C-alpha cells in the first residue's frame, strides 16, 4: 500500500470539493504534517482509514468526512463504492421497505431502511407501501436503523404525507450559492396518506444523514412527532472517491438549509419530541397514536378497537 499516494489523493480531493474551503485548507495542512511525522505509517488499509478519518474529523467534527475502509474491493470512479453497497443491500431489504404491518387501532407501522435508496430504485416500493398505509388512521415511520439516503427520496416520501407541494430543503455549495431546492411533489403515484392523519417518526442514535433529513423536515413542518433518541448529526451531502481498492474518500460537497429553521441538524442531530430509548420507541409511538385517535373522536371507523387497545395496555 502506497500510503503517501492515498493521503495525497485524499488531500487534493478535499481541497477541490469540500464545502467549507477554509476548513479544507486547514485539513490539507494537518494531513500533510501528520504524513511527514509518520502518523500514517501503518500496515493495512483499515488502519490507514481509521487514522486519516480521525484527523479529518478533528477540526469541525463532520461525520460525513472520512477515509472509509471497505472490506470488499471497490471499483474506481465517483460514488462507485457507495453504489456497490447500495446494490448489495437493496434487494435484501425488499427495496428499502423491510417491514409494513397493521397494529391495533388501525395504526400502520412502516419501516424504511437500511437506506432511503435512490428514487429511481425506491419509488416502486415506496409507492406500494404508502398506498397500503393510506388506509390506516395513523402512521409510524420507523427510521431507527436507517443510515442515510437520497434527498429526492426524502421529498418523495414527504409527498405522501403532505397535501400540496412544500419546500423541504435547500442545498448550498461552497461559497454559499444555493445549488438546489427540494420540494415535495405536487402529485405522487398511488395513494397519499394525506396531510391530516397522525404521523410519528422513530429515531435512534444510528439514524443518520438523509434519514435525519426526513425526520427533521417533517418535524419542522409540524407534520410528524419524532419519538426515540437524538440522531447522529450528519447534514452535509457527500460524494465518494475511490483512492485505493479498499478506501473511499467521502467528502461533503454542500450543506443543507431548512426553510423553516434556517439551519440544519449538523452535529446536533434531530431532537425527539418524545425522548425514549430506541428499543422502546415503537411501543411509545403506538400508545401516542392510540391516544391521539381517541382524542379525535368517533368519526374514525376503528374507534372501538382504539379504545379497546388503550384499555388493554397497548
Protein backbone atom coordinates (compact mmCIF):
# COMPACT_ATOMS: atom_id res chain seq x y z
CA UNK A 1 0.00 0.00 0.00
CA UNK A 2 1.43 3.37 -1.08
CA UNK A 3 0.33 5.44 1.90
CA UNK A 4 1.71 8.71 0.55
CA UNK A 5 -0.25 8.38 -2.71
CA UNK A 6 -3.50 7.62 -0.86
CA UNK A 7 -3.12 10.55 1.53
CA UNK A 8 -2.07 12.96 -1.21
CA UNK A 9 -5.06 11.99 -3.38
CA UNK A 10 -7.33 12.49 -0.39
CA UNK A 11 -5.81 15.91 0.28
CA UNK A 12 -6.30 17.01 -3.34
CA UNK A 13 -9.93 15.90 -3.38
CA UNK A 14 -10.53 17.65 -0.08
CA UNK A 15 -9.19 20.97 -1.34
CA UNK A 16 -11.13 20.70 -4.59
CA UNK A 17 -14.52 19.59 -3.26
CA UNK A 18 -15.10 20.14 0.47
CA UNK A 19 -18.00 22.52 1.04
CA UNK A 20 -16.05 24.58 3.58
CA UNK A 21 -12.98 25.82 1.71
CA UNK A 22 -11.34 27.34 4.79
CA UNK A 23 -11.65 24.07 6.72
CA UNK A 24 -10.30 22.18 3.70
CA UNK A 25 -7.13 24.29 3.79
CA UNK A 26 -6.63 23.57 7.50
CA UNK A 27 -7.19 19.85 7.00
CA UNK A 28 -4.87 19.74 4.00
CA UNK A 29 -2.07 21.20 6.12
CA UNK A 30 -2.87 18.85 9.00
CA UNK A 31 -2.79 15.72 6.82
CA UNK A 32 0.48 16.84 5.22
CA UNK A 33 2.06 17.39 8.62
CA UNK A 34 0.79 14.11 10.01
CA UNK A 35 2.06 12.24 6.94
CA UNK A 36 5.52 13.81 7.30
CA UNK A 37 5.56 12.93 11.01
CA UNK A 38 4.93 9.26 10.29
CA UNK A 39 1.43 9.16 11.80
CA UNK A 40 0.19 7.09 8.87
CA UNK A 41 2.98 4.51 8.90
CA UNK A 42 0.54 1.61 9.21
CA UNK A 43 0.34 -1.77 7.55
CA UNK A 44 -3.29 -2.16 6.48
CA UNK A 45 -5.84 -0.03 4.59
CA UNK A 46 -8.23 -0.36 7.54
CA UNK A 47 -5.67 1.17 9.93
CA UNK A 48 -4.93 3.98 7.48
CA UNK A 49 -8.62 4.74 7.03
CA UNK A 50 -9.16 4.96 10.78
CA UNK A 51 -6.15 7.22 11.33
CA UNK A 52 -6.93 9.63 8.50
CA UNK A 53 -10.64 9.74 9.39
CA UNK A 54 -9.80 10.76 12.96
CA UNK A 55 -7.74 13.65 11.62
CA UNK A 56 -10.33 14.66 9.02
CA UNK A 57 -13.00 14.94 11.71
CA UNK A 58 -10.75 16.71 14.22
CA UNK A 59 -11.40 20.30 13.07
CA UNK A 60 -15.18 20.61 12.75
CA UNK A 61 -16.47 17.13 13.62
CA UNK A 62 -18.05 16.49 10.20
CA UNK A 63 -19.02 12.80 10.36
CA UNK A 64 -19.52 12.61 6.59
CA UNK A 65 -15.83 13.46 6.10
CA UNK A 66 -13.99 10.13 6.09
CA UNK A 67 -11.40 7.89 4.54
CA UNK A 68 -13.73 4.91 4.63
CA UNK A 69 -12.46 1.34 4.62
CA UNK A 70 -14.36 -1.26 2.58
CA UNK A 71 -13.60 -4.95 3.26
CA UNK A 72 -14.58 -5.84 -0.32
CA UNK A 73 -12.64 -4.29 -3.16
CA UNK A 74 -14.42 -1.35 -4.74
CA UNK A 75 -14.10 -0.07 -8.31
CA UNK A 76 -12.63 3.24 -9.40
CA UNK A 77 -14.97 6.14 -10.02
CA UNK A 78 -17.04 8.75 -8.22
CA UNK A 79 -19.52 7.19 -5.78
CA UNK A 80 -18.57 3.71 -7.04
CA UNK A 81 -18.15 2.33 -3.52
CA UNK A 82 -21.49 3.74 -2.40
CA UNK A 83 -23.36 2.33 -5.37
CA UNK A 84 -21.79 -1.09 -4.81
CA UNK A 85 -23.08 -1.04 -1.21
CA UNK A 86 -26.50 0.18 -2.34
CA UNK A 87 -26.86 -2.58 -4.91
CA UNK A 88 -25.92 -5.20 -2.32
CA UNK A 89 -28.47 -4.10 0.27
CA UNK A 90 -31.37 -3.04 -1.97
CA UNK A 91 -32.86 -6.47 -2.71
CA UNK A 92 -32.11 -7.77 0.78
CA UNK A 93 -34.31 -5.04 2.27
CA UNK A 94 -37.29 -5.54 -0.08
CA UNK A 95 -36.36 -2.42 -1.96
CA UNK A 96 -35.92 -0.30 1.15
CA UNK A 97 -39.25 -1.26 2.78
CA UNK A 98 -38.31 -4.19 5.04
CA UNK A 99 -41.48 -4.07 7.13
CA UNK A 100 -45.09 -2.92 6.78
CA UNK A 101 -47.81 -4.06 9.17
CA UNK A 102 -51.07 -3.03 10.78
CA UNK A 103 -51.05 -2.59 14.55
CA UNK A 104 -54.13 -2.48 16.74
CA UNK A 105 -56.26 0.60 16.36
CA UNK A 106 -55.59 0.72 12.59
CA UNK A 107 -52.16 2.20 13.20
CA UNK A 108 -49.67 1.34 10.43
CA UNK A 109 -46.01 0.58 11.21
CA UNK A 110 -43.81 1.24 8.17
CA UNK A 111 -40.06 0.65 8.35
CA UNK A 112 -37.84 2.37 5.77
CA UNK A 113 -34.25 1.15 5.62
CA UNK A 114 -31.42 0.46 5.75
CA UNK A 115 -31.27 3.49 3.46
CA UNK A 116 -33.52 5.80 1.51
CA UNK A 117 -32.33 4.37 -1.78
CA UNK A 118 -32.08 6.47 -4.97
CA UNK A 119 -35.57 7.41 -6.03
CA UNK A 120 -35.30 5.59 -9.37
CA UNK A 121 -34.84 2.36 -7.41
CA UNK A 122 -37.02 3.04 -4.39
CA UNK A 123 -40.12 4.61 -5.94
CA UNK A 124 -41.89 1.32 -6.68
CA UNK A 125 -41.61 0.01 -3.12
CA UNK A 126 -42.44 3.37 -1.54
CA UNK A 127 -45.49 3.74 -3.77
CA UNK A 128 -46.77 0.29 -2.86
CA UNK A 129 -46.09 0.80 0.86
CA UNK A 130 -47.81 4.16 1.12
CA UNK A 131 -50.74 3.05 -0.99
CA UNK A 132 -51.38 0.32 1.55
CA UNK A 133 -50.59 2.60 4.50
CA UNK A 134 -53.06 5.20 3.24
CA UNK A 135 -55.89 3.05 4.65
CA UNK A 136 -54.55 3.43 8.18
CA UNK A 137 -55.75 6.04 10.64
CA UNK A 138 -52.27 6.79 11.97
CA UNK A 139 -48.77 6.05 10.68
CA UNK A 140 -45.48 5.21 12.39
CA UNK A 141 -42.44 5.59 10.12
CA UNK A 142 -39.51 3.64 11.55
CA UNK A 143 -36.07 5.13 10.78
CA UNK A 144 -34.20 3.64 13.73
CA UNK A 145 -31.93 1.52 11.50
CA UNK A 146 -31.79 3.94 8.57
CA UNK A 147 -28.35 5.47 7.98
CA UNK A 148 -28.99 7.87 5.11
CA UNK A 149 -30.08 8.23 1.55
CA UNK A 150 -31.16 10.39 -1.33
CA UNK A 151 -32.81 13.80 -0.76
CA UNK A 152 -35.02 13.12 -3.79
CA UNK A 153 -36.36 10.06 -1.98
CA UNK A 154 -36.92 12.16 1.13
CA UNK A 155 -39.01 14.52 -1.00
CA UNK A 156 -41.00 11.61 -2.47
CA UNK A 157 -41.83 10.22 0.98
CA UNK A 158 -42.91 13.67 2.15
CA UNK A 159 -45.19 13.87 -0.88
CA UNK A 160 -47.30 11.06 0.58
CA UNK A 161 -47.67 12.93 3.88
CA UNK A 162 -48.44 16.45 2.62
CA UNK A 163 -51.42 17.64 0.60
CA UNK A 164 -49.59 20.18 -1.55
CA UNK A 165 -46.12 20.95 -2.86
CA UNK A 166 -43.99 22.12 0.06
CA UNK A 167 -40.42 23.46 0.23
CA UNK A 168 -38.39 20.99 2.28
CA UNK A 169 -34.70 21.77 1.96
CA UNK A 170 -32.10 23.78 0.03
CA UNK A 171 -28.54 22.62 -0.61
CA UNK A 172 -25.83 25.29 -0.67
CA UNK A 173 -22.47 24.64 -2.34
CA UNK A 174 -19.15 26.06 -1.17
CA UNK A 175 -19.21 29.84 -1.28
CA UNK A 176 -22.84 29.86 -0.15
CA UNK A 177 -24.54 29.53 -3.52
CA UNK A 178 -27.93 27.79 -3.46
CA UNK A 179 -27.43 24.82 -5.74
CA UNK A 180 -30.80 23.09 -5.49
CA UNK A 181 -34.15 23.29 -3.75
CA UNK A 182 -36.13 20.20 -2.80
CA UNK A 183 -39.93 20.27 -2.72
CA UNK A 184 -42.46 17.57 -2.05
CA UNK A 185 -44.13 16.59 -5.35
CA UNK A 186 -47.49 18.01 -6.37
CA UNK A 187 -48.64 14.53 -7.40
CA UNK A 188 -47.46 11.08 -6.34
CA UNK A 189 -48.13 7.63 -7.77
CA UNK A 190 -50.55 5.52 -5.78
CA UNK A 191 -52.50 6.94 -2.84
CA UNK A 192 -51.42 9.61 -0.37
CA UNK A 193 -51.62 9.02 3.36
CA UNK A 194 -52.51 12.69 3.40
CA UNK A 195 -51.66 15.74 5.42
CA UNK A 196 -54.01 15.46 8.39
CA UNK A 197 -53.81 12.00 9.98
CA UNK A 198 -51.31 11.48 12.81
CA UNK A 199 -47.72 10.61 11.85
CA UNK A 200 -44.90 9.51 14.15
CA UNK A 201 -41.23 9.05 13.19
CA UNK A 202 -38.98 6.68 15.16
CA UNK A 203 -35.29 7.57 15.53
CA UNK A 204 -32.16 6.22 17.19
CA UNK A 205 -28.58 7.30 17.61
CA UNK A 206 -27.86 5.36 14.40
CA UNK A 207 -30.34 7.38 12.32
CA UNK A 208 -28.15 9.49 10.08
CA UNK A 209 -27.87 11.79 7.07
CA UNK A 210 -30.84 11.53 4.66
CA UNK A 211 -32.91 9.66 7.24
CA UNK A 212 -32.29 12.55 9.62
CA UNK A 213 -33.45 14.94 6.94
CA UNK A 214 -36.77 13.12 6.63
CA UNK A 215 -37.33 13.30 10.40
CA UNK A 216 -36.17 16.92 10.57
CA UNK A 217 -38.23 18.14 7.61
CA UNK A 218 -41.44 16.59 8.94
CA UNK A 219 -40.75 17.87 12.46
CA UNK A 220 -40.04 21.42 11.30
CA UNK A 221 -43.26 21.45 9.27
CA UNK A 222 -45.22 20.25 12.30
CA UNK A 223 -46.32 17.22 10.28
CA UNK A 224 -44.87 14.47 12.49
CA UNK A 225 -43.97 13.73 16.09
CA UNK A 226 -40.43 12.36 16.45
CA UNK A 227 -40.15 9.57 19.04
CA UNK A 228 -36.92 7.93 20.19
CA UNK A 229 -33.32 9.07 20.51
CA UNK A 230 -31.33 12.05 19.27
CA UNK A 231 -29.95 11.23 15.82
CA UNK A 232 -26.33 11.13 14.64
CA UNK A 233 -25.96 14.69 13.32
CA UNK A 234 -24.85 14.48 9.67
CA UNK A 235 -26.39 17.14 7.42
CA UNK A 236 -23.80 17.56 4.66
CA UNK A 237 -24.45 15.54 1.47
CA UNK A 238 -21.28 13.89 0.26
CA UNK A 239 -19.58 12.40 -2.77
CA UNK A 240 -17.32 9.38 -2.66
CA UNK A 241 -14.00 8.94 -4.45
CA UNK A 242 -12.09 5.66 -4.65
CA UNK A 243 -8.46 6.36 -3.66
CA UNK A 244 -7.40 2.74 -3.09
CA UNK A 245 -9.07 -0.60 -3.86
CA UNK A 246 -10.35 -0.67 -0.27
CA UNK A 247 -10.51 3.02 0.64
CA UNK A 248 -13.05 5.69 -0.29
CA UNK A 249 -12.63 9.41 0.46
CA UNK A 250 -16.12 10.67 1.35
CA UNK A 251 -16.27 14.45 1.05
CA UNK A 252 -19.28 16.68 1.72
CA UNK A 253 -19.94 18.98 -1.21
CA UNK A 254 -22.89 21.03 0.11
CA UNK A 255 -24.75 21.98 3.27
CA UNK A 256 -28.47 21.73 3.92
CA UNK A 257 -30.60 24.70 4.97
CA UNK A 258 -34.15 24.07 6.15
CA UNK A 259 -36.61 26.80 5.06
CA UNK A 260 -38.38 26.79 8.45
CA UNK A 261 -35.45 26.72 10.88
CA UNK A 262 -32.89 28.42 8.63
CA UNK A 263 -30.33 25.85 9.73
CA UNK A 264 -29.94 22.05 9.87
CA UNK A 265 -29.12 19.12 12.14
CA UNK A 266 -25.34 19.02 11.61
CA UNK A 267 -23.54 17.82 14.78
CA UNK A 268 -26.61 18.42 16.98
CA UNK A 269 -28.84 15.72 15.44
CA UNK A 270 -32.64 15.72 15.40
CA UNK A 271 -34.03 16.20 18.91
CA UNK A 272 -37.02 13.89 19.50
CA UNK A 273 -40.32 15.39 20.62
CA UNK A 274 -40.75 12.34 22.85
CA UNK A 275 -37.39 11.12 24.13
CA UNK A 276 -37.24 7.39 24.91
CA UNK A 277 -34.68 4.64 24.30
CA UNK A 278 -34.80 3.42 20.71
CA UNK A 279 -35.90 -0.05 21.79
CA UNK A 280 -39.00 1.44 23.44
CA UNK A 281 -39.85 3.92 20.68
CA UNK A 282 -42.32 1.78 18.73
CA UNK A 283 -44.44 0.92 21.78
CA UNK A 284 -44.42 4.54 22.91
CA UNK A 285 -45.37 5.86 19.47
CA UNK A 286 -48.18 3.31 19.24
CA UNK A 287 -49.55 4.47 22.58
CA UNK A 288 -49.27 8.09 21.48
CA UNK A 289 -51.12 7.29 18.25
CA UNK A 290 -53.92 5.46 20.05
CA UNK A 291 -54.35 8.36 22.46
CA UNK A 292 -54.47 10.86 19.60
CA UNK A 293 -57.00 8.82 17.65
CA UNK A 294 -59.16 8.51 20.76
CA UNK A 295 -58.91 12.26 21.31
CA UNK A 296 -60.04 12.95 17.75
CA UNK A 297 -63.30 11.16 18.35
CA UNK A 298 -65.95 8.92 16.87
CA UNK A 299 -65.73 9.65 13.15
CA UNK A 300 -62.98 7.06 12.84
CA UNK A 301 -64.09 3.55 11.84
CA UNK A 302 -61.59 1.88 14.14
CA UNK A 303 -62.50 3.88 17.26
CA UNK A 304 -63.85 0.88 19.16
CA UNK A 305 -60.63 -1.01 18.53
CA UNK A 306 -58.59 2.04 19.53
CA UNK A 307 -60.33 2.25 22.89
CA UNK A 308 -60.08 -1.49 23.43
CA UNK A 309 -56.36 -1.40 22.67
CA UNK A 310 -55.78 1.51 25.03
CA UNK A 311 -57.71 -0.13 27.84
CA UNK A 312 -55.73 -3.31 27.27
CA UNK A 313 -52.42 -1.53 27.78
CA UNK A 314 -51.31 -1.41 24.13
